[in-house]
Amino acid sequence: MYKKSTLMRCIERRKGLYQIEKIQNYVRFLQENLNEIEFHLKNYRLVQLVSMGILQFGLNLKTQ
């Protein structure tokens, strides 16, 4: 398992790579880009991000 701070640094790097400022926009980006999801799956991060609830807010954006 990764530390929360390690995961957040990874998210911040990926947001910067795509010039995304808000976590909500990055979650939307994840929903629309399979390649980004595959990146996290290959690095075993996505499951942990979901289990920590980091993505739960963003996943709920779609229903609102």
C-alpha atoms as a PDB file:
ATOM      1  CA  MET A   1       0.000   0.000   0.000  1.00  0.00           C
ATOM      2  CA  TYR A   2       1.111   3.502  -0.799  1.00  0.00           C
ATOM      3  CA  LYS A   3       1.033   6.283   1.771  1.00  0.00           C
ATOM      4  CA  LYS A   4      -1.655   8.864   1.153  1.00  0.00           C
ATOM      5  CA  SER A   5       0.997  11.554   0.644  1.00  0.00           C
ATOM      6  CA  THR A   6       2.667   9.433  -2.067  1.00  0.00           C
ATOM      7  CA  LEU A   7      -0.629   8.998  -3.894  1.00  0.00           C
ATOM      8  CA  MET A   8      -1.422  12.680  -3.667  1.00  0.00           C
ATOM      9  CA  ARG A   9       2.004  13.588  -5.109  1.00  0.00           C
ATOM     10  CA  CYS A  10       1.351  11.215  -7.991  1.00  0.00           C
ATOM     11  CA  ILE A  11      -2.051  12.806  -8.632  1.00  0.00           C
ATOM     12  CA  GLU A  12      -0.529  16.284  -8.489  1.00  0.00           C
ATOM     13  CA  ARG A  13       2.158  15.262 -11.011  1.00  0.00           C
ATOM     14  CA  ARG A  14      -0.423  13.774 -13.358  1.00  0.00           C
ATOM     15  CA  LYS A  15      -2.661  16.853 -13.029  1.00  0.00           C
ATOM     16  CA  GLY A  16       0.326  19.042 -13.868  1.00  0.00           C
ATOM     17  CA  LEU A  17       1.220  16.891 -16.854  1.00  0.00           C
ATOM     18  CA  TYR A  18      -2.227  17.525 -18.325  1.00  0.00           C
ATOM     19  CA  GLN A  19      -2.497  21.090 -16.992  1.00  0.00           C
ATOM     20  CA  ILE A  20      -5.485  20.244 -14.799  1.00  0.00           C
ATOM     21  CA  GLU A  21      -5.919  22.397 -11.714  1.00  0.00           C
ATOM     22  CA  LYS A  22      -8.831  20.872  -9.773  1.00  0.00           C
ATOM     23  CA  ILE A  23      -9.181  17.311  -8.525  1.00  0.00           C
ATOM     24  CA  GLN A  24     -12.771  17.258  -9.813  1.00  0.00           C
ATOM     25  CA  ASN A  25     -11.492  17.962 -13.323  1.00  0.00           C
ATOM     26  CA  TYR A  26      -8.877  15.226 -13.007  1.00  0.00           C
ATOM     27  CA  VAL A  27     -11.558  12.745 -11.963  1.00  0.00           C
ATOM     28  CA  ARG A  28     -13.596  13.761 -15.003  1.00  0.00           C
ATOM     29  CA  PHE A  29     -10.442  13.325 -17.094  1.00  0.00           C
ATOM     30  CA  LEU A  30     -10.032   9.810 -15.653  1.00  0.00           C
ATOM     31  CA  GLN A  31     -13.616   8.987 -16.550  1.00  0.00           C
ATOM     32  CA  GLU A  32     -13.033  10.068 -20.142  1.00  0.00           C
ATOM     33  CA  ASN A  33      -9.503   8.663 -20.702  1.00  0.00           C
ATOM     34  CA  LEU A  34      -8.913   4.952 -20.426  1.00  0.00           C
ATOM     35  CA  ASN A  35      -5.176   5.390 -20.924  1.00  0.00           C
ATOM     36  CA  GLU A  36      -4.912   7.371 -17.707  1.00  0.00           C
ATOM     37  CA  ILE A  37      -6.866   4.738 -15.800  1.00  0.00           C
ATOM     38  CA  GLU A  38      -4.587   2.065 -17.251  1.00  0.00           C
ATOM     39  CA  PHE A  39      -1.560   4.038 -16.054  1.00  0.00           C
ATOM     40  CA  HIS A  40      -2.871   3.941 -12.489  1.00  0.00           C
ATOM     41  CA  LEU A  41      -3.886   0.292 -12.722  1.00  0.00           C
ATOM     42  CA  LYS A  42      -0.429  -0.659 -13.944  1.00  0.00           C
ATOM     43  CA  ASN A  43       0.987   1.124 -10.938  1.00  0.00           C
ATOM     44  CA  TYR A  44      -1.583  -0.413  -8.559  1.00  0.00           C
ATOM     45  CA  ARG A  45      -2.757   2.999  -7.463  1.00  0.00           C
ATOM     46  CA  LEU A  46      -6.347   3.151  -8.702  1.00  0.00           C
ATOM     47  CA  VAL A  47      -7.671   0.496  -6.352  1.00  0.00           C
ATOM     48  CA  GLN A  48      -6.075   2.235  -3.399  1.00  0.00           C
ATOM     49  CA  LEU A  49      -7.342   5.663  -4.520  1.00  0.00           C
ATOM     50  CA  VAL A  50     -10.892   4.365  -4.662  1.00  0.00           C
ATOM     51  CA  SER A  51     -10.572   2.535  -1.356  1.00  0.00           C
ATOM     52  CA  MET A  52      -9.310   5.733   0.290  1.00  0.00           C
ATOM     53  CA  GLY A  53     -12.319   7.628  -1.019  1.00  0.00           C
ATOM     54  CA  ILE A  54     -10.229  10.102  -3.012  1.00  0.00           C
ATOM     55  CA  LEU A  55     -12.143   9.352  -6.189  1.00  0.00           C
ATOM     56  CA  GLN A  56     -15.547   8.863  -4.588  1.00  0.00           C
ATOM     57  CA  PHE A  57     -16.323  12.587  -4.755  1.00  0.00           C
ATOM     58  CA  GLY A  58     -15.475  12.693  -8.423  1.00  0.00           C
ATOM     59  CA  LEU A  59     -17.369   9.545  -9.253  1.00  0.00           C
ATOM     60  CA  ASN A  60     -20.450  11.114  -7.696  1.00  0.00           C
ATOM     61  CA  LEU A  61     -20.053  14.182  -9.947  1.00  0.00           C
ATOM     62  CA  LYS A  62     -21.402  12.174 -12.861  1.00  0.00           C
ATOM     63  CA  THR A  63     -24.772  11.616 -11.143  1.00  0.00           C
ATOM     64  CA  GLN A  64     -25.290  15.241 -10.184  1.00  0.00           C
END
